[in-house]
PDB file of all heavy atoms in Angstrom:
ATOM      1  N   ASP A   1       0.808  -1.217   0.000  1.00  0.00           N
ATOM      2  CA  ASP A   1       0.000   0.000   0.000  1.00  0.00           C
ATOM      3  C   ASP A   1       0.838   1.262   0.000  1.00  0.00           C
ATOM      4  O   ASP A   1       0.354   2.333   0.363  1.00  0.00           O
ATOM      5  CB  ASP A   1      -0.919   0.021   1.219  1.00  0.00           C
ATOM      6  CG  ASP A   1      -0.135  -0.071   2.511  1.00  0.00           C
ATOM      7  OD1 ASP A   1       1.084  -0.321   2.432  1.00  0.00           O
ATOM      8  OD2 ASP A   1      -0.747   0.095   3.587  1.00  0.00           O
ATOM      9  N   PHE A   2       2.126   1.176  -0.361  1.00  0.00           N
ATOM     10  CA  PHE A   2       2.961   2.373  -0.388  1.00  0.00           C
ATOM     11  C   PHE A   2       3.122   2.842  -1.831  1.00  0.00           C
ATOM     12  O   PHE A   2       3.001   2.063  -2.766  1.00  0.00           O
ATOM     13  CB  PHE A   2       4.334   2.121   0.262  1.00  0.00           C
ATOM     14  CG  PHE A   2       5.112   1.023  -0.405  1.00  0.00           C
ATOM     15  CD1 PHE A   2       5.957   1.291  -1.459  1.00  0.00           C
ATOM     16  CD2 PHE A   2       4.968  -0.290   0.030  1.00  0.00           C
ATOM     17  CE1 PHE A   2       6.659   0.280  -2.058  1.00  0.00           C
ATOM     18  CE2 PHE A   2       5.669  -1.290  -0.586  1.00  0.00           C
ATOM     19  CZ  PHE A   2       6.526  -1.007  -1.626  1.00  0.00           C
ATOM     20  N   ARG A   3       3.405   4.128  -1.969  1.00  0.00           N
ATOM     21  CA  ARG A   3       3.565   4.727  -3.298  1.00  0.00           C
ATOM     22  C   ARG A   3       4.966   5.264  -3.510  1.00  0.00           C
ATOM     23  O   ARG A   3       5.610   4.966  -4.494  1.00  0.00           O
ATOM     24  CB  ARG A   3       2.548   5.880  -3.462  1.00  0.00           C
ATOM     25  CG  ARG A   3       1.120   5.383  -3.449  1.00  0.00           C
ATOM     26  CD  ARG A   3       0.830   4.538  -4.681  1.00  0.00           C
ATOM     27  NE  ARG A   3      -0.523   4.055  -4.682  1.00  0.00           N
ATOM     28  CZ  ARG A   3      -0.906   2.887  -4.197  1.00  0.00           C
ATOM     29  NH1 ARG A   3      -0.005   2.091  -3.655  1.00  0.00           N
ATOM     30  NH2 ARG A   3      -2.149   2.501  -4.231  1.00  0.00           N
ATOM     31  N   HIS A   4       5.465   6.089  -2.591  1.00  0.00           N
ATOM     32  CA  HIS A   4       6.792   6.675  -2.728  1.00  0.00           C
ATOM     33  C   HIS A   4       7.798   5.788  -2.035  1.00  0.00           C
ATOM     34  O   HIS A   4       7.575   5.352  -0.906  1.00  0.00           O
ATOM     35  CB  HIS A   4       6.789   8.089  -2.125  1.00  0.00           C
ATOM     36  CG  HIS A   4       8.024   8.865  -2.526  1.00  0.00           C
ATOM     37  ND1 HIS A   4       9.181   8.797  -1.815  1.00  0.00           N
ATOM     38  CD2 HIS A   4       8.245   9.720  -3.573  1.00  0.00           C
ATOM     39  CE1 HIS A   4      10.099   9.584  -2.376  1.00  0.00           C
ATOM     40  NE2 HIS A   4       9.540  10.159  -3.441  1.00  0.00           N
ATOM     41  N   PRO A   5       8.921   5.538  -2.650  1.00  0.00           N
ATOM     42  CA  PRO A   5       9.892   4.614  -2.044  1.00  0.00           C
ATOM     43  C   PRO A   5      10.418   5.080  -0.710  1.00  0.00           C
ATOM     44  O   PRO A   5      10.561   4.319   0.216  1.00  0.00           O
ATOM     45  CB  PRO A   5      11.009   4.499  -3.073  1.00  0.00           C
ATOM     46  CG  PRO A   5      10.828   5.617  -4.029  1.00  0.00           C
ATOM     47  CD  PRO A   5       9.387   5.999  -4.003  1.00  0.00           C
ATOM     48  N   CYS A   6      10.689   6.396  -0.584  1.00  0.00           N
ATOM     49  CA  CYS A   6      11.257   6.885   0.684  1.00  0.00           C
ATOM     50  C   CYS A   6      10.240   6.793   1.794  1.00  0.00           C
ATOM     51  O   CYS A   6      10.507   6.309   2.881  1.00  0.00           O
ATOM     52  CB  CYS A   6      11.739   8.328   0.538  1.00  0.00           C
ATOM     53  SG  CYS A   6      13.164   8.501  -0.559  1.00  0.00           S
ATOM     54  N   THR A   7       9.014   7.281   1.549  1.00  0.00           N
ATOM     55  CA  THR A   7       7.986   7.245   2.597  1.00  0.00           C
ATOM     56  C   THR A   7       7.577   5.815   2.893  1.00  0.00           C
ATOM     57  O   THR A   7       7.295   5.450   4.024  1.00  0.00           O
ATOM     58  CB  THR A   7       6.758   8.059   2.158  1.00  0.00           C
ATOM     59  OG1 THR A   7       6.294   7.510   0.913  1.00  0.00           O
ATOM     60  CG2 THR A   7       7.108   9.512   1.952  1.00  0.00           C
ATOM     61  N   GLY A   8       7.559   5.010   1.860  1.00  0.00           N
ATOM     62  CA  GLY A   8       7.186   3.605   2.092  1.00  0.00           C
ATOM     63  C   GLY A   8       8.176   2.887   2.964  1.00  0.00           C
ATOM     64  O   GLY A   8       7.820   2.159   3.869  1.00  0.00           O
ATOM     65  N   ILE A   9       9.436   3.116   2.716  1.00  0.00           N
ATOM     66  CA  ILE A   9      10.463   2.435   3.514  1.00  0.00           C
ATOM     67  C   ILE A   9      10.444   2.929   4.938  1.00  0.00           C
ATOM     68  O   ILE A   9      10.534   2.182   5.888  1.00  0.00           O
ATOM     69  CB  ILE A   9      11.857   2.640   2.869  1.00  0.00           C
ATOM     70  CG1 ILE A   9      11.894   1.960   1.515  1.00  0.00           C
ATOM     71  CG2 ILE A   9      12.945   2.110   3.745  1.00  0.00           C
ATOM     72  CD1 ILE A   9      13.131   2.236   0.719  1.00  0.00           C
ATOM     73  N   SER A  10      10.313   4.272   5.081  1.00  0.00           N
ATOM     74  CA  SER A  10      10.288   4.831   6.429  1.00  0.00           C
ATOM     75  C   SER A  10       9.088   4.320   7.197  1.00  0.00           C
ATOM     76  O   SER A  10       9.176   3.974   8.364  1.00  0.00           O
ATOM     77  CB  SER A  10      10.287   6.359   6.356  1.00  0.00           C
ATOM     78  OG  SER A  10      10.223   6.907   7.636  1.00  0.00           O
ATOM     79  N   GLY A  11       7.934   4.272   6.520  1.00  0.00           N
ATOM     80  CA  GLY A  11       6.741   3.779   7.204  1.00  0.00           C
ATOM     81  C   GLY A  11       6.873   2.322   7.595  1.00  0.00           C
ATOM     82  O   GLY A  11       6.453   1.930   8.669  1.00  0.00           O
ATOM     83  N   SER A  12       7.468   1.514   6.730  1.00  0.00           N
ATOM     84  CA  SER A  12       7.619   0.089   7.065  1.00  0.00           C
ATOM     85  C   SER A  12       8.572  -0.113   8.227  1.00  0.00           C
ATOM     86  O   SER A  12       8.358  -0.960   9.069  1.00  0.00           O
ATOM     87  CB  SER A  12       8.124  -0.682   5.842  1.00  0.00           C
ATOM     88  OG  SER A  12       9.420  -0.231   5.494  1.00  0.00           O
ATOM     89  N   THR A  13       9.608   0.711   8.269  1.00  0.00           N
ATOM     90  CA  THR A  13      10.544   0.586   9.388  1.00  0.00           C
ATOM     91  C   THR A  13       9.875   0.945  10.695  1.00  0.00           C
ATOM     92  O   THR A  13      10.069   0.299  11.727  1.00  0.00           O
ATOM     93  CB  THR A  13      11.757   1.502   9.157  1.00  0.00           C
ATOM     94  OG1 THR A  13      12.297   1.210   7.889  1.00  0.00           O
ATOM     95  CG2 THR A  13      12.808   1.291  10.227  1.00  0.00           C
ATOM     96  N   THR A  14       9.057   1.987  10.665  1.00  0.00           N
ATOM     97  CA  THR A  14       8.384   2.386  11.892  1.00  0.00           C
ATOM     98  C   THR A  14       7.352   1.352  12.300  1.00  0.00           C
ATOM     99  O   THR A  14       7.190   1.055  13.490  1.00  0.00           O
ATOM    100  CB  THR A  14       7.713   3.760  11.694  1.00  0.00           C
ATOM    101  OG1 THR A  14       8.682   4.679  11.242  1.00  0.00           O
ATOM    102  CG2 THR A  14       7.092   4.249  12.986  1.00  0.00           C
ATOM    103  N   ALA A  15       6.659   0.778  11.309  1.00  0.00           N
ATOM    104  CA  ALA A  15       5.620  -0.182  11.641  1.00  0.00           C
ATOM    105  C   ALA A  15       6.206  -1.464  12.206  1.00  0.00           C
ATOM    106  O   ALA A  15       5.678  -2.043  13.147  1.00  0.00           O
ATOM    107  CB  ALA A  15       4.795  -0.503  10.392  1.00  0.00           C
ATOM    108  N   ILE A  16       7.292  -1.960  11.623  1.00  0.00           N
ATOM    109  CA  ILE A  16       7.875  -3.218  12.098  1.00  0.00           C
ATOM    110  C   ILE A  16       8.604  -3.000  13.415  1.00  0.00           C
ATOM    111  O   ILE A  16       8.452  -3.744  14.368  1.00  0.00           O
ATOM    112  CB  ILE A  16       8.822  -3.788  11.033  1.00  0.00           C
ATOM    113  CG1 ILE A  16       8.010  -4.165   9.787  1.00  0.00           C
ATOM    114  CG2 ILE A  16       9.559  -5.004  11.537  1.00  0.00           C
ATOM    115  CD1 ILE A  16       8.847  -4.579   8.611  1.00  0.00           C
ATOM    116  N   GLY A  17       9.426  -1.966  13.485  1.00  0.00           N
ATOM    117  CA  GLY A  17      10.085  -1.607  14.747  1.00  0.00           C
ATOM    118  C   GLY A  17      11.106  -2.609  15.186  1.00  0.00           C
ATOM    119  O   GLY A  17      11.470  -2.632  16.350  1.00  0.00           O
ATOM    120  N   GLY A  18      11.587  -3.467  14.319  1.00  0.00           N
ATOM    121  CA  GLY A  18      12.570  -4.485  14.719  1.00  0.00           C
ATOM    122  C   GLY A  18      13.976  -3.973  14.598  1.00  0.00           C
ATOM    123  O   GLY A  18      14.259  -3.011  13.872  1.00  0.00           O
ATOM    124  N   SER A  19      14.873  -4.672  15.284  1.00  0.00           N
ATOM    125  CA  SER A  19      16.279  -4.279  15.234  1.00  0.00           C
ATOM    126  C   SER A  19      16.910  -4.590  13.888  1.00  0.00           C
ATOM    127  O   SER A  19      17.967  -4.064  13.564  1.00  0.00           O
ATOM    128  CB  SER A  19      17.048  -5.021  16.330  1.00  0.00           C
ATOM    129  OG  SER A  19      16.938  -6.401  16.133  1.00  0.00           O
ATOM    130  N   VAL A  20      16.236  -5.466  13.111  1.00  0.00           N
ATOM    131  CA  VAL A  20      16.796  -5.817  11.805  1.00  0.00           C
ATOM    132  C   VAL A  20      16.806  -4.617  10.875  1.00  0.00           C
ATOM    133  O   VAL A  20      17.672  -4.458  10.020  1.00  0.00           O
ATOM    134  CB  VAL A  20      15.964  -6.963  11.200  1.00  0.00           C
ATOM    135  CG1 VAL A  20      16.459  -7.319   9.823  1.00  0.00           C
ATOM    136  CG2 VAL A  20      16.006  -8.162  12.108  1.00  0.00           C
ATOM    137  N   PHE A  21      15.852  -3.685  11.029  1.00  0.00           N
ATOM    138  CA  PHE A  21      15.708  -2.563  10.112  1.00  0.00           C
ATOM    139  C   PHE A  21      16.271  -1.257  10.675  1.00  0.00           C
ATOM    140  O   PHE A  21      15.949  -0.170  10.217  1.00  0.00           O
ATOM    141  CB  PHE A  21      14.227  -2.361   9.779  1.00  0.00           C
ATOM    142  CG  PHE A  21      13.609  -3.581   9.181  1.00  0.00           C
ATOM    143  CD1 PHE A  21      12.842  -4.427   9.957  1.00  0.00           C
ATOM    144  CD2 PHE A  21      13.840  -3.912   7.856  1.00  0.00           C
ATOM    145  CE1 PHE A  21      12.284  -5.560   9.407  1.00  0.00           C
ATOM    146  CE2 PHE A  21      13.273  -5.045   7.310  1.00  0.00           C
ATOM    147  CZ  PHE A  21      12.502  -5.875   8.082  1.00  0.00           C
ATOM    148  N   THR A  22      17.063  -1.348  11.726  1.00  0.00           N
ATOM    149  CA  THR A  22      17.692  -0.149  12.274  1.00  0.00           C
ATOM    150  C   THR A  22      18.645   0.472  11.271  1.00  0.00           C
ATOM    151  O   THR A  22      18.756   1.710  11.154  1.00  0.00           O
ATOM    152  CB  THR A  22      18.450  -0.524  13.561  1.00  0.00           C
ATOM    153  OG1 THR A  22      17.535  -1.160  14.450  1.00  0.00           O
ATOM    154  CG2 THR A  22      19.024   0.710  14.227  1.00  0.00           C
ATOM    155  N   ARG A  23      19.356  -0.401  10.518  1.00  0.00           N
ATOM    156  CA  ARG A  23      20.285   0.109   9.510  1.00  0.00           C
ATOM    157  C   ARG A  23      19.554   0.857   8.406  1.00  0.00           C
ATOM    158  O   ARG A  23      20.067   1.810   7.827  1.00  0.00           O
ATOM    159  CB  ARG A  23      21.076  -1.073   8.928  1.00  0.00           C
ATOM    160  CG  ARG A  23      22.155  -0.633   7.973  1.00  0.00           C
ATOM    161  CD  ARG A  23      22.979  -1.802   7.524  1.00  0.00           C
ATOM    162  NE  ARG A  23      24.012  -1.384   6.603  1.00  0.00           N
ATOM    163  CZ  ARG A  23      24.855  -2.198   6.004  1.00  0.00           C
ATOM    164  NH1 ARG A  23      24.775  -3.493   6.254  1.00  0.00           N
ATOM    165  NH2 ARG A  23      25.762  -1.748   5.183  1.00  0.00           N
ATOM    166  N   LEU A  24      18.332   0.444   8.083  1.00  0.00           N
ATOM    167  CA  LEU A  24      17.545   1.115   7.050  1.00  0.00           C
ATOM    168  C   LEU A  24      17.218   2.546   7.456  1.00  0.00           C
ATOM    169  O   LEU A  24      17.317   3.479   6.658  1.00  0.00           O
ATOM    170  CB  LEU A  24      16.246   0.330   6.803  1.00  0.00           C
ATOM    171  CG  LEU A  24      15.234   0.929   5.827  1.00  0.00           C
ATOM    172  CD1 LEU A  24      15.859   1.061   4.458  1.00  0.00           C
ATOM    173  CD2 LEU A  24      13.974   0.092   5.772  1.00  0.00           C
ATOM    174  N   THR A  25      16.873   2.785   8.721  1.00  0.00           N
ATOM    175  CA  THR A  25      16.574   4.127   9.212  1.00  0.00           C
ATOM    176  C   THR A  25      17.812   4.998   9.166  1.00  0.00           C
ATOM    177  O   THR A  25      17.751   6.193   8.843  1.00  0.00           O
ATOM    178  CB  THR A  25      16.031   4.036  10.650  1.00  0.00           C
ATOM    179  OG1 THR A  25      14.936   3.121  10.656  1.00  0.00           O
ATOM    180  CG2 THR A  25      15.548   5.378  11.145  1.00  0.00           C
ATOM    181  N   THR A  26      18.957   4.430   9.502  1.00  0.00           N
ATOM    182  CA  THR A  26      20.206   5.202   9.465  1.00  0.00           C
ATOM    183  C   THR A  26      20.523   5.667   8.052  1.00  0.00           C
ATOM    184  O   THR A  26      20.928   6.819   7.823  1.00  0.00           O
ATOM    185  CB  THR A  26      21.354   4.340  10.003  1.00  0.00           C
ATOM    186  OG1 THR A  26      20.999   3.865  11.294  1.00  0.00           O
ATOM    187  CG2 THR A  26      22.630   5.139  10.097  1.00  0.00           C
ATOM    188  N   VAL A  27      20.360   4.749   7.094  1.00  0.00           N
ATOM    189  CA  VAL A  27      20.614   5.131   5.696  1.00  0.00           C
ATOM    190  C   VAL A  27      19.652   6.223   5.249  1.00  0.00           C
ATOM    191  O   VAL A  27      20.020   7.154   4.529  1.00  0.00           O
ATOM    192  CB  VAL A  27      20.496   3.877   4.808  1.00  0.00           C
ATOM    193  CG1 VAL A  27      20.598   4.261   3.342  1.00  0.00           C
ATOM    194  CG2 VAL A  27      21.564   2.866   5.176  1.00  0.00           C
ATOM    195  N   GLU A  28      18.408   6.142   5.711  1.00  0.00           N
ATOM    196  CA  GLU A  28      17.408   7.155   5.302  1.00  0.00           C
ATOM    197  C   GLU A  28      17.771   8.516   5.854  1.00  0.00           C
ATOM    198  O   GLU A  28      17.642   9.539   5.172  1.00  0.00           O
ATOM    199  CB  GLU A  28      16.034   6.717   5.798  1.00  0.00           C
ATOM    200  CG  GLU A  28      14.925   7.680   5.399  1.00  0.00           C
ATOM    201  CD  GLU A  28      13.592   7.239   5.965  1.00  0.00           C
ATOM    202  OE1 GLU A  28      13.576   6.243   6.685  1.00  0.00           O
ATOM    203  OE2 GLU A  28      12.584   7.899   5.689  1.00  0.00           O
ATOM    204  N   GLU A  29      18.256   8.610   7.113  1.00  0.00           N
ATOM    205  CA  GLU A  29      18.634   9.888   7.700  1.00  0.00           C
ATOM    206  C   GLU A  29      19.846  10.492   6.993  1.00  0.00           C
ATOM    207  O   GLU A  29      19.935  11.720   6.815  1.00  0.00           O
ATOM    208  CB  GLU A  29      18.960   9.690   9.185  1.00  0.00           C
ATOM    209  CG  GLU A  29      17.719   9.316  10.008  1.00  0.00           C
ATOM    210  CD  GLU A  29      18.078   9.028  11.440  1.00  0.00           C
ATOM    211  OE1 GLU A  29      19.292   9.058  11.736  1.00  0.00           O
ATOM    212  OE2 GLU A  29      17.186   8.784  12.248  1.00  0.00           O
ATOM    213  N   GLN A  30      20.778   9.641   6.570  1.00  0.00           N
ATOM    214  CA  GLN A  30      21.963  10.178   5.887  1.00  0.00           C
ATOM    215  C   GLN A  30      21.620  10.735   4.514  1.00  0.00           C
ATOM    216  O   GLN A  30      22.252  11.682   4.029  1.00  0.00           O
ATOM    217  CB  GLN A  30      23.009   9.060   5.734  1.00  0.00           C
ATOM    218  CG  GLN A  30      23.613   8.611   7.070  1.00  0.00           C
ATOM    219  CD  GLN A  30      24.574   7.468   6.876  1.00  0.00           C
ATOM    220  OE1 GLN A  30      24.714   6.944   5.771  1.00  0.00           O
ATOM    221  NE2 GLN A  30      25.244   7.099   7.974  1.00  0.00           N
TER     222      GLN A  30
END
């Protein structure tokens, strides 16, 4: 149900909240 890649990834990371996707959030902030 996502459209934009950046918002979709950020939303999925927030929704899952697992430690596996911590690196994904770091890459998004950089």
